[in-house]
Amino acid sequence: MELILLKRIERLRSKLNKFGVNRDLVDPEVVQLSQELDFVLNKYYQFMSCKQLSFW
C-alpha cells in the first residue's frame, strides 16, 4: 500500500509540475490535479500514522 501511494504521489507531482509550467495555476486541470495530489498525500499520511500507531 505504501509503495502504491508513493508512486501515485510522484506521478501526480510530476504531472502537476509539467502542467504548472505551461498553464495558469487557476486552470481547472491544474486545480484538479492539485486536489487529487492533496487527497493522495492525506491518504499517505493517514496510512503512515496508523502504521506508526500499530508499531507501539
C-alpha atoms as a PDB file:
ATOM      1  CA  MET A   1       0.000   0.000   0.000  1.00  0.00           C
ATOM      2  CA  GLU A   2       2.758   2.443   0.964  1.00  0.00           C
ATOM      3  CA  LEU A   3       4.630   1.883  -2.281  1.00  0.00           C
ATOM      4  CA  ILE A   4       1.470   2.297  -4.354  1.00  0.00           C
ATOM      5  CA  LEU A   5       0.696   5.625  -2.670  1.00  0.00           C
ATOM      6  CA  LEU A   6       4.270   6.864  -3.086  1.00  0.00           C
ATOM      7  CA  LYS A   7       4.283   6.003  -6.800  1.00  0.00           C
ATOM      8  CA  ARG A   8       0.954   7.766  -7.284  1.00  0.00           C
ATOM      9  CA  ILE A   9       2.235  10.827  -5.411  1.00  0.00           C
ATOM     10  CA  GLU A  10       5.327  11.027  -7.591  1.00  0.00           C
ATOM     11  CA  ARG A  11       3.291  10.595 -10.779  1.00  0.00           C
ATOM     12  CA  LEU A  12       0.887  13.354  -9.754  1.00  0.00           C
ATOM     13  CA  ARG A  13       3.708  15.685  -8.694  1.00  0.00           C
ATOM     14  CA  SER A  14       5.456  15.215 -11.998  1.00  0.00           C
ATOM     15  CA  LYS A  15       2.272  15.834 -13.962  1.00  0.00           C
ATOM     16  CA  LEU A  16       1.413  18.874 -11.850  1.00  0.00           C
ATOM     17  CA  ASN A  17       4.887  20.346 -12.381  1.00  0.00           C
ATOM     18  CA  LYS A  18       4.534  19.938 -16.155  1.00  0.00           C
ATOM     19  CA  PHE A  19       1.068  21.495 -16.150  1.00  0.00           C
ATOM     20  CA  GLY A  20       2.157  24.332 -13.852  1.00  0.00           C
ATOM     21  CA  VAL A  21       4.859  25.435 -16.272  1.00  0.00           C
ATOM     22  CA  ASN A  22       2.557  25.633 -19.279  1.00  0.00           C
ATOM     23  CA  ARG A  23      -0.723  26.745 -17.708  1.00  0.00           C
ATOM     24  CA  ASP A  24      -2.080  29.217 -15.200  1.00  0.00           C
ATOM     25  CA  LEU A  25      -2.271  27.962 -11.635  1.00  0.00           C
ATOM     26  CA  VAL A  26      -6.029  28.563 -11.696  1.00  0.00           C
ATOM     27  CA  ASP A  27      -6.510  26.405 -14.792  1.00  0.00           C
ATOM     28  CA  PRO A  28      -9.203  23.815 -13.971  1.00  0.00           C
ATOM     29  CA  GLU A  29      -6.913  20.878 -14.835  1.00  0.00           C
ATOM     30  CA  VAL A  30      -4.120  22.234 -12.627  1.00  0.00           C
ATOM     31  CA  VAL A  31      -6.566  22.749  -9.761  1.00  0.00           C
ATOM     32  CA  GLN A  32      -8.000  19.244 -10.237  1.00  0.00           C
ATOM     33  CA  LEU A  33      -4.514  17.679 -10.213  1.00  0.00           C
ATOM     34  CA  SER A  34      -3.568  19.669  -7.147  1.00  0.00           C
ATOM     35  CA  GLN A  35      -6.687  18.488  -5.322  1.00  0.00           C
ATOM     36  CA  GLU A  36      -6.031  14.903  -6.321  1.00  0.00           C
ATOM     37  CA  LEU A  37      -2.456  15.176  -5.061  1.00  0.00           C
ATOM     38  CA  ASP A  38      -3.706  16.650  -1.770  1.00  0.00           C
ATOM     39  CA  PHE A  39      -6.118  13.747  -1.393  1.00  0.00           C
ATOM     40  CA  VAL A  40      -3.438  11.110  -2.025  1.00  0.00           C
ATOM     41  CA  LEU A  41      -0.985  12.869   0.294  1.00  0.00           C
ATOM     42  CA  ASN A  42      -3.608  12.868   3.041  1.00  0.00           C
ATOM     43  CA  LYS A  43      -4.213   9.158   2.486  1.00  0.00           C
ATOM     44  CA  TYR A  44      -0.462   8.525   2.697  1.00  0.00           C
ATOM     45  CA  TYR A  45      -0.127  10.480   5.958  1.00  0.00           C
ATOM     46  CA  GLN A  46      -3.117   8.643   7.427  1.00  0.00           C
ATOM     47  CA  PHE A  47      -1.598   5.323   6.423  1.00  0.00           C
ATOM     48  CA  MET A  48       1.748   6.235   7.961  1.00  0.00           C
ATOM     49  CA  SER A  49       0.087   7.418  11.187  1.00  0.00           C
ATOM     50  CA  CYS A  50      -1.766   4.131  11.548  1.00  0.00           C
ATOM     51  CA  LYS A  51       1.380   2.211  10.741  1.00  0.00           C
ATOM     52  CA  GLN A  52       3.292   4.053  13.475  1.00  0.00           C
ATOM     53  CA  LEU A  53       0.486   3.581  15.992  1.00  0.00           C
ATOM     54  CA  SER A  54       0.336  -0.132  15.296  1.00  0.00           C
ATOM     55  CA  PHE A  55       4.077  -0.324  15.911  1.00  0.00           C
ATOM     56  CA  TRP A  56       3.579   0.689  19.550  1.00  0.00           C
END
